[in-house]
Amino acid sequence: MKQELARKKKRCGLRMSGAYMRKIKRWSRSWNLGRHDDPGIRVFQGIKQWRLGLLDWKRTSLGNIHKALEDKQQLAVQRHKTNFITALRDENGVLQTNLDTIHKLAVDFYKKLFSSQSDNLGNALIFDQLKVFEPAQVTLLGANFTMEDVKRNLFSMRKGKVPDPDGLSAHFFQFC
């Protein structure tokens, strides 16, 4: 068998990969096992042996997929458990670790943040973040933009991009 495959390989001038050669060997092995006189039974046995060979190949080459998936699921569960807020500081700077207190602090913070009465809290958060910028950069960030700025940015976009929720792509505005 090996000599015949080597002769075919040499005659065709093809370089056959190792995986291809293994498939050919598995195929020929499955058809040569359990010879029977009846051609129908031989076909059935050949297909059965080929199926068993494929199952064996799947086990040996891919490994235990179910075990790998279980391991990945365990990692995801662990990540979910560790991705959890365990402590928050309240308004007085005291570290709170009680889950009910943490929940209350978070709810109160976002109620204040998104309520219409406390616009100053949102501005205070923004200005706290702006402290990392230099005064010239803060001025530049607060400056009004011109039509030239809009045009330059619009024409720098790719044609298929959609800059606005109206659904018109950048190509439409670049063309007009």
Protein backbone atom coordinates (compact mmCIF):
# COMPACT_ATOMS: atom_id res chain seq x y z
CA MET A 1 0.00 0.00 0.00
CA LYS A 2 2.75 2.44 0.93
CA GLN A 3 4.64 1.64 -2.26
CA GLU A 4 1.53 2.19 -4.35
CA LEU A 5 0.87 5.60 -2.75
CA ALA A 6 4.51 6.59 -3.15
CA ARG A 7 4.36 5.56 -6.84
CA LYS A 8 1.17 7.63 -7.37
CA LYS A 9 2.74 10.57 -5.59
CA LYS A 10 5.88 10.35 -7.69
CA ARG A 11 3.94 9.88 -10.94
CA CYS A 12 1.62 12.86 -10.37
CA GLY A 13 4.39 15.12 -9.13
CA LEU A 14 2.18 16.25 -6.25
CA ARG A 15 3.27 16.85 -2.71
CA MET A 16 0.66 15.29 -0.52
CA SER A 17 0.29 16.60 2.99
CA GLY A 18 0.52 14.36 6.01
CA ALA A 19 -3.15 14.91 6.85
CA TYR A 20 -4.19 13.87 3.34
CA MET A 21 -2.05 10.75 3.53
CA ARG A 22 -3.54 9.83 6.90
CA LYS A 23 -7.06 10.18 5.46
CA ILE A 24 -6.15 7.92 2.53
CA LYS A 25 -4.67 5.33 4.91
CA ARG A 26 -7.74 5.45 7.17
CA TRP A 27 -10.05 5.10 4.17
CA SER A 28 -8.17 2.12 2.74
CA ARG A 29 -7.90 0.48 6.18
CA SER A 30 -11.66 0.77 6.72
CA TRP A 31 -12.44 -0.87 3.38
CA ASN A 32 -9.94 -3.70 3.86
CA LEU A 33 -11.25 -4.78 7.27
CA GLY A 34 -13.84 -7.56 7.54
CA ARG A 35 -14.00 -8.75 3.93
CA HIS A 36 -17.25 -10.47 3.02
CA ASP A 37 -18.46 -12.11 -0.18
CA ASP A 38 -21.67 -10.08 -0.47
CA PRO A 39 -20.93 -6.61 -2.00
CA GLY A 40 -23.77 -4.96 -0.08
CA ILE A 41 -22.41 -6.16 3.23
CA ARG A 42 -18.90 -5.08 2.20
CA VAL A 43 -20.16 -1.55 1.48
CA PHE A 44 -22.04 -1.45 4.79
CA GLN A 45 -18.98 -2.69 6.72
CA GLY A 46 -16.72 -0.24 4.90
CA ILE A 47 -18.96 2.71 5.77
CA LYS A 48 -19.21 1.51 9.36
CA GLN A 49 -15.44 1.20 9.69
CA TRP A 50 -14.97 4.63 8.06
CA ARG A 51 -17.40 6.16 10.57
CA LEU A 52 -15.58 4.54 13.48
CA GLY A 53 -12.28 5.81 12.07
CA LEU A 54 -13.68 9.35 11.87
CA LEU A 55 -14.90 9.17 15.46
CA ASP A 56 -11.47 7.97 16.56
CA TRP A 57 -9.82 10.77 14.58
CA LYS A 58 -12.14 13.33 16.19
CA ARG A 59 -11.26 12.06 19.66
CA THR A 60 -7.52 12.01 19.04
CA SER A 61 -7.12 15.23 17.07
CA LEU A 62 -9.69 17.49 18.69
CA GLY A 63 -9.50 16.13 22.20
CA ASN A 64 -12.37 16.28 24.63
CA ILE A 65 -14.35 19.29 23.43
CA HIS A 66 -16.95 18.97 26.18
CA LYS A 67 -14.24 19.17 28.84
CA ALA A 68 -12.73 22.23 27.15
CA LEU A 69 -16.15 23.91 27.02
CA GLU A 70 -16.78 23.11 30.67
CA ASP A 71 -13.42 24.67 31.57
CA LYS A 72 -14.29 27.83 29.60
CA GLN A 73 -17.68 27.99 31.29
CA GLN A 74 -16.04 27.67 34.71
CA LEU A 75 -13.69 30.54 33.80
CA ALA A 76 -16.67 32.67 32.78
CA VAL A 77 -18.46 31.91 36.04
CA GLN A 78 -15.33 32.77 38.02
CA ARG A 79 -14.94 36.03 36.08
CA HIS A 80 -18.58 36.86 36.79
CA LYS A 81 -18.04 36.21 40.49
CA THR A 82 -14.92 38.37 40.64
CA ASN A 83 -16.48 41.14 38.54
CA PHE A 84 -18.46 42.34 41.51
CA ILE A 85 -18.45 45.56 43.55
CA THR A 86 -17.35 44.67 47.06
CA ALA A 87 -16.96 48.15 48.55
CA LEU A 88 -17.88 51.81 47.90
CA ARG A 89 -17.06 55.05 49.66
CA ASP A 90 -20.02 57.13 50.80
CA GLU A 91 -20.30 60.95 50.81
CA ASN A 92 -18.25 61.13 54.03
CA GLY A 93 -15.42 59.01 52.60
CA VAL A 94 -16.23 55.97 54.76
CA LEU A 95 -15.70 52.62 53.03
CA GLN A 96 -18.96 50.66 52.96
CA THR A 97 -18.86 46.87 52.44
CA ASN A 98 -22.45 45.89 53.27
CA LEU A 99 -24.25 44.86 50.05
CA ASP A 100 -27.47 46.65 50.98
CA THR A 101 -25.55 49.85 51.72
CA ILE A 102 -23.61 49.56 48.45
CA HIS A 103 -26.88 49.09 46.58
CA LYS A 104 -28.42 52.13 48.29
CA LEU A 105 -25.32 54.27 47.57
CA ALA A 106 -25.36 53.33 43.88
CA VAL A 107 -29.09 53.97 43.50
CA ASP A 108 -28.87 57.33 45.29
CA PHE A 109 -25.86 58.40 43.22
CA TYR A 110 -27.59 57.71 39.91
CA LYS A 111 -30.89 59.21 41.09
CA LYS A 112 -29.03 62.43 41.90
CA LEU A 113 -27.04 62.26 38.69
CA PHE A 114 -30.03 61.84 36.37
CA SER A 115 -32.63 63.88 38.21
CA SER A 116 -33.54 67.26 36.73
CA GLN A 117 -32.98 69.00 40.07
CA SER A 118 -29.26 68.27 40.44
CA ASP A 119 -27.56 69.44 37.24
CA ASN A 120 -24.64 70.63 39.34
CA LEU A 121 -23.63 67.06 40.23
CA GLY A 122 -23.14 66.15 36.56
CA ASN A 123 -21.18 69.33 35.94
CA ALA A 124 -19.06 68.66 39.01
CA LEU A 125 -18.19 65.23 37.67
CA ILE A 126 -17.22 66.69 34.30
CA PHE A 127 -15.11 69.42 35.83
CA ASP A 128 -13.37 66.87 38.06
CA GLN A 129 -12.35 65.04 34.91
CA LEU A 130 -11.23 68.27 33.24
CA LYS A 131 -8.67 68.85 35.99
CA VAL A 132 -6.30 66.52 34.15
CA PHE A 133 -6.22 68.90 31.17
CA GLU A 134 -4.23 72.09 30.95
CA PRO A 135 -6.20 75.38 30.84
CA ALA A 136 -5.44 75.88 27.14
CA GLN A 137 -6.82 72.41 26.37
CA VAL A 138 -9.97 73.09 28.40
CA THR A 139 -10.52 76.31 26.43
CA LEU A 140 -10.04 74.44 23.16
CA LEU A 141 -12.52 71.76 24.25
CA GLY A 142 -15.12 74.37 25.13
CA ALA A 143 -14.69 76.36 21.89
CA ASN A 144 -17.46 76.44 19.31
CA PHE A 145 -16.85 74.46 16.16
CA THR A 146 -17.07 76.03 12.73
CA MET A 147 -18.60 74.80 9.49
CA GLU A 148 -15.07 74.18 8.22
CA ASP A 149 -14.51 71.77 11.13
CA VAL A 150 -17.71 69.91 10.26
CA LYS A 151 -16.83 69.79 6.56
CA ARG A 152 -13.27 68.59 7.22
CA ASN A 153 -14.49 65.81 9.52
CA LEU A 154 -17.29 64.79 7.18
CA PHE A 155 -14.96 64.52 4.19
CA SER A 156 -12.42 62.55 6.24
CA MET A 157 -15.02 59.80 6.87
CA ARG A 158 -15.29 56.72 4.69
CA LYS A 159 -18.18 56.80 2.23
CA GLY A 160 -20.20 54.02 3.87
CA LYS A 161 -20.16 55.52 7.38
CA VAL A 162 -23.39 56.90 8.83
CA PRO A 163 -22.64 60.02 10.90
CA ASP A 164 -26.20 60.72 12.01
CA PRO A 165 -29.26 58.71 13.09
CA ASP A 166 -31.11 59.84 9.94
CA GLY A 167 -29.43 56.97 8.08
CA LEU A 168 -27.80 59.07 5.38
CA SER A 169 -24.22 57.99 4.82
CA ALA A 170 -21.21 60.27 4.59
CA HIS A 171 -21.17 59.65 0.83
CA PHE A 172 -24.52 61.45 0.50
CA PHE A 173 -23.18 64.57 2.22
CA GLN A 174 -19.85 64.41 0.38
CA PHE A 175 -21.65 64.20 -2.95
CA CYS A 176 -24.07 67.09 -2.28
